[in-house]
Amino acid sequence: MSGRGVWLRTRARFRRFPAALAACGDQAAAYGGCVAAAAAGPAELRRDSCLEEFRALRECFARAVRPPPC
Protein backbone atom coordinates (compact mmCIF):
# COMPACT_ATOMS: atom_id res chain seq x y z
CA MET A 1 0.00 0.00 0.00
CA SER A 2 1.39 3.37 -1.02
CA GLY A 3 1.33 6.58 0.94
CA ARG A 4 1.47 8.68 -2.23
CA GLY A 5 -2.15 9.84 -1.91
CA VAL A 6 -1.52 11.11 1.59
CA TRP A 7 1.43 13.19 0.45
CA LEU A 8 -0.49 14.61 -2.50
CA ARG A 9 -3.30 15.76 -0.21
CA THR A 10 -0.79 17.19 2.27
CA ARG A 11 1.03 19.11 -0.44
CA ALA A 12 -2.26 20.48 -1.73
CA ARG A 13 -3.10 21.79 1.76
CA PHE A 14 0.35 23.36 2.12
CA ARG A 15 -0.04 25.12 -1.23
CA ARG A 16 -3.20 26.82 0.06
CA PHE A 17 -1.53 27.97 3.28
CA PRO A 18 0.09 31.22 1.98
CA ALA A 19 -3.24 32.47 0.63
CA ALA A 20 -5.00 31.55 3.87
CA LEU A 21 -2.33 33.30 5.92
CA ALA A 22 -2.60 36.40 3.73
CA ALA A 23 -6.36 36.43 4.20
CA CYS A 24 -5.99 36.10 7.98
CA GLY A 25 -3.14 38.52 8.61
CA ASP A 26 -4.91 40.48 11.33
CA GLN A 27 -5.82 37.34 13.28
CA ALA A 28 -2.32 35.90 12.84
CA ALA A 29 -0.76 39.14 14.10
CA ALA A 30 -3.08 39.20 17.11
CA TYR A 31 -2.27 35.59 18.00
CA GLY A 32 1.47 36.10 17.51
CA GLY A 33 1.40 39.24 19.62
CA CYS A 34 -0.47 37.45 22.37
CA VAL A 35 1.99 34.55 22.39
CA ALA A 36 4.97 36.92 22.37
CA ALA A 37 3.53 38.94 25.25
CA ALA A 38 2.66 35.83 27.24
CA ALA A 39 6.15 34.36 26.73
CA ALA A 40 7.99 37.58 27.58
CA GLY A 41 9.50 38.01 30.98
CA PRO A 42 10.20 35.48 33.69
CA ALA A 43 6.77 33.81 33.61
CA GLU A 44 6.23 30.64 31.62
CA LEU A 45 3.85 30.45 28.71
CA ARG A 46 0.65 28.87 30.00
CA ARG A 47 -1.75 26.67 28.11
CA ASP A 48 -4.86 28.47 26.83
CA SER A 49 -3.43 31.90 27.63
CA CYS A 50 -4.14 32.96 24.01
CA LEU A 51 -7.09 30.68 23.36
CA GLU A 52 -9.43 33.42 22.13
CA GLU A 53 -6.90 34.65 19.56
CA PHE A 54 -6.11 31.10 18.46
CA ARG A 55 -9.78 30.30 17.91
CA ALA A 56 -10.24 33.45 15.84
CA LEU A 57 -7.23 32.50 13.69
CA ARG A 58 -8.42 28.91 13.28
CA GLU A 59 -11.90 30.06 12.23
CA CYS A 60 -10.40 32.50 9.73
CA PHE A 61 -8.24 29.72 8.23
CA ALA A 62 -11.27 27.47 7.97
CA ARG A 63 -13.20 30.19 6.10
CA ALA A 64 -10.21 30.95 3.85
CA VAL A 65 -9.72 27.36 2.67
CA ARG A 66 -13.40 26.46 2.37
CA PRO A 67 -14.37 25.95 -1.28
CA PRO A 68 -16.63 28.68 -2.68
CA PRO A 69 -20.34 27.85 -2.86
CA CYS A 70 -21.63 26.76 -6.23
C-alpha atoms as a PDB file:
ATOM      1  CA  MET A   1       0.000   0.000   0.000  1.00  0.00           C
ATOM      2  CA  SER A   2       1.388   3.373  -1.020  1.00  0.00           C
ATOM      3  CA  GLY A   3       1.333   6.583   0.943  1.00  0.00           C
ATOM      4  CA  ARG A   4       1.468   8.677  -2.227  1.00  0.00           C
ATOM      5  CA  GLY A   5      -2.148   9.844  -1.906  1.00  0.00           C
ATOM      6  CA  VAL A   6      -1.521  11.112   1.595  1.00  0.00           C
ATOM      7  CA  TRP A   7       1.433  13.192   0.452  1.00  0.00           C
ATOM      8  CA  LEU A   8      -0.488  14.605  -2.498  1.00  0.00           C
ATOM      9  CA  ARG A   9      -3.297  15.758  -0.209  1.00  0.00           C
ATOM     10  CA  THR A  10      -0.789  17.188   2.271  1.00  0.00           C
ATOM     11  CA  ARG A  11       1.034  19.113  -0.444  1.00  0.00           C
ATOM     12  CA  ALA A  12      -2.258  20.482  -1.732  1.00  0.00           C
ATOM     13  CA  ARG A  13      -3.096  21.791   1.760  1.00  0.00           C
ATOM     14  CA  PHE A  14       0.355  23.358   2.119  1.00  0.00           C
ATOM     15  CA  ARG A  15      -0.037  25.122  -1.235  1.00  0.00           C
ATOM     16  CA  ARG A  16      -3.201  26.824   0.058  1.00  0.00           C
ATOM     17  CA  PHE A  17      -1.528  27.969   3.278  1.00  0.00           C
ATOM     18  CA  PRO A  18       0.090  31.219   1.981  1.00  0.00           C
ATOM     19  CA  ALA A  19      -3.243  32.470   0.634  1.00  0.00           C
ATOM     20  CA  ALA A  20      -5.004  31.551   3.874  1.00  0.00           C
ATOM     21  CA  LEU A  21      -2.332  33.297   5.917  1.00  0.00           C
ATOM     22  CA  ALA A  22      -2.598  36.403   3.728  1.00  0.00           C
ATOM     23  CA  ALA A  23      -6.365  36.431   4.201  1.00  0.00           C
ATOM     24  CA  CYS A  24      -5.989  36.104   7.979  1.00  0.00           C
ATOM     25  CA  GLY A  25      -3.140  38.520   8.605  1.00  0.00           C
ATOM     26  CA  ASP A  26      -4.913  40.476  11.329  1.00  0.00           C
ATOM     27  CA  GLN A  27      -5.820  37.344  13.279  1.00  0.00           C
ATOM     28  CA  ALA A  28      -2.320  35.898  12.839  1.00  0.00           C
ATOM     29  CA  ALA A  29      -0.762  39.137  14.103  1.00  0.00           C
ATOM     30  CA  ALA A  30      -3.078  39.203  17.114  1.00  0.00           C
ATOM     31  CA  TYR A  31      -2.268  35.592  18.001  1.00  0.00           C
ATOM     32  CA  GLY A  32       1.465  36.100  17.508  1.00  0.00           C
ATOM     33  CA  GLY A  33       1.404  39.240  19.621  1.00  0.00           C
ATOM     34  CA  CYS A  34      -0.470  37.446  22.369  1.00  0.00           C
ATOM     35  CA  VAL A  35       1.994  34.546  22.394  1.00  0.00           C
ATOM     36  CA  ALA A  36       4.970  36.923  22.373  1.00  0.00           C
ATOM     37  CA  ALA A  37       3.529  38.943  25.246  1.00  0.00           C
ATOM     38  CA  ALA A  38       2.661  35.827  27.244  1.00  0.00           C
ATOM     39  CA  ALA A  39       6.145  34.363  26.734  1.00  0.00           C
ATOM     40  CA  ALA A  40       7.986  37.578  27.581  1.00  0.00           C
ATOM     41  CA  GLY A  41       9.497  38.009  30.980  1.00  0.00           C
ATOM     42  CA  PRO A  42      10.198  35.480  33.689  1.00  0.00           C
ATOM     43  CA  ALA A  43       6.773  33.814  33.606  1.00  0.00           C
ATOM     44  CA  GLU A  44       6.234  30.642  31.616  1.00  0.00           C
ATOM     45  CA  LEU A  45       3.847  30.452  28.710  1.00  0.00           C
ATOM     46  CA  ARG A  46       0.645  28.874  29.995  1.00  0.00           C
ATOM     47  CA  ARG A  47      -1.753  26.668  28.111  1.00  0.00           C
ATOM     48  CA  ASP A  48      -4.862  28.471  26.828  1.00  0.00           C
ATOM     49  CA  SER A  49      -3.426  31.903  27.627  1.00  0.00           C
ATOM     50  CA  CYS A  50      -4.142  32.961  24.015  1.00  0.00           C
ATOM     51  CA  LEU A  51      -7.091  30.684  23.358  1.00  0.00           C
ATOM     52  CA  GLU A  52      -9.430  33.417  22.129  1.00  0.00           C
ATOM     53  CA  GLU A  53      -6.899  34.654  19.565  1.00  0.00           C
ATOM     54  CA  PHE A  54      -6.107  31.098  18.456  1.00  0.00           C
ATOM     55  CA  ARG A  55      -9.782  30.296  17.909  1.00  0.00           C
ATOM     56  CA  ALA A  56     -10.238  33.454  15.842  1.00  0.00           C
ATOM     57  CA  LEU A  57      -7.232  32.497  13.694  1.00  0.00           C
ATOM     58  CA  ARG A  58      -8.421  28.908  13.284  1.00  0.00           C
ATOM     59  CA  GLU A  59     -11.904  30.059  12.228  1.00  0.00           C
ATOM     60  CA  CYS A  60     -10.404  32.496   9.730  1.00  0.00           C
ATOM     61  CA  PHE A  61      -8.238  29.721   8.233  1.00  0.00           C
ATOM     62  CA  ALA A  62     -11.273  27.472   7.966  1.00  0.00           C
ATOM     63  CA  ARG A  63     -13.201  30.185   6.100  1.00  0.00           C
ATOM     64  CA  ALA A  64     -10.214  30.951   3.852  1.00  0.00           C
ATOM     65  CA  VAL A  65      -9.722  27.357   2.671  1.00  0.00           C
ATOM     66  CA  ARG A  66     -13.401  26.462   2.368  1.00  0.00           C
ATOM     67  CA  PRO A  67     -14.374  25.954  -1.279  1.00  0.00           C
ATOM     68  CA  PRO A  68     -16.633  28.679  -2.679  1.00  0.00           C
ATOM     69  CA  PRO A  69     -20.338  27.847  -2.855  1.00  0.00           C
ATOM     70  CA  CYS A  70     -21.627  26.756  -6.231  1.00  0.00           C
END
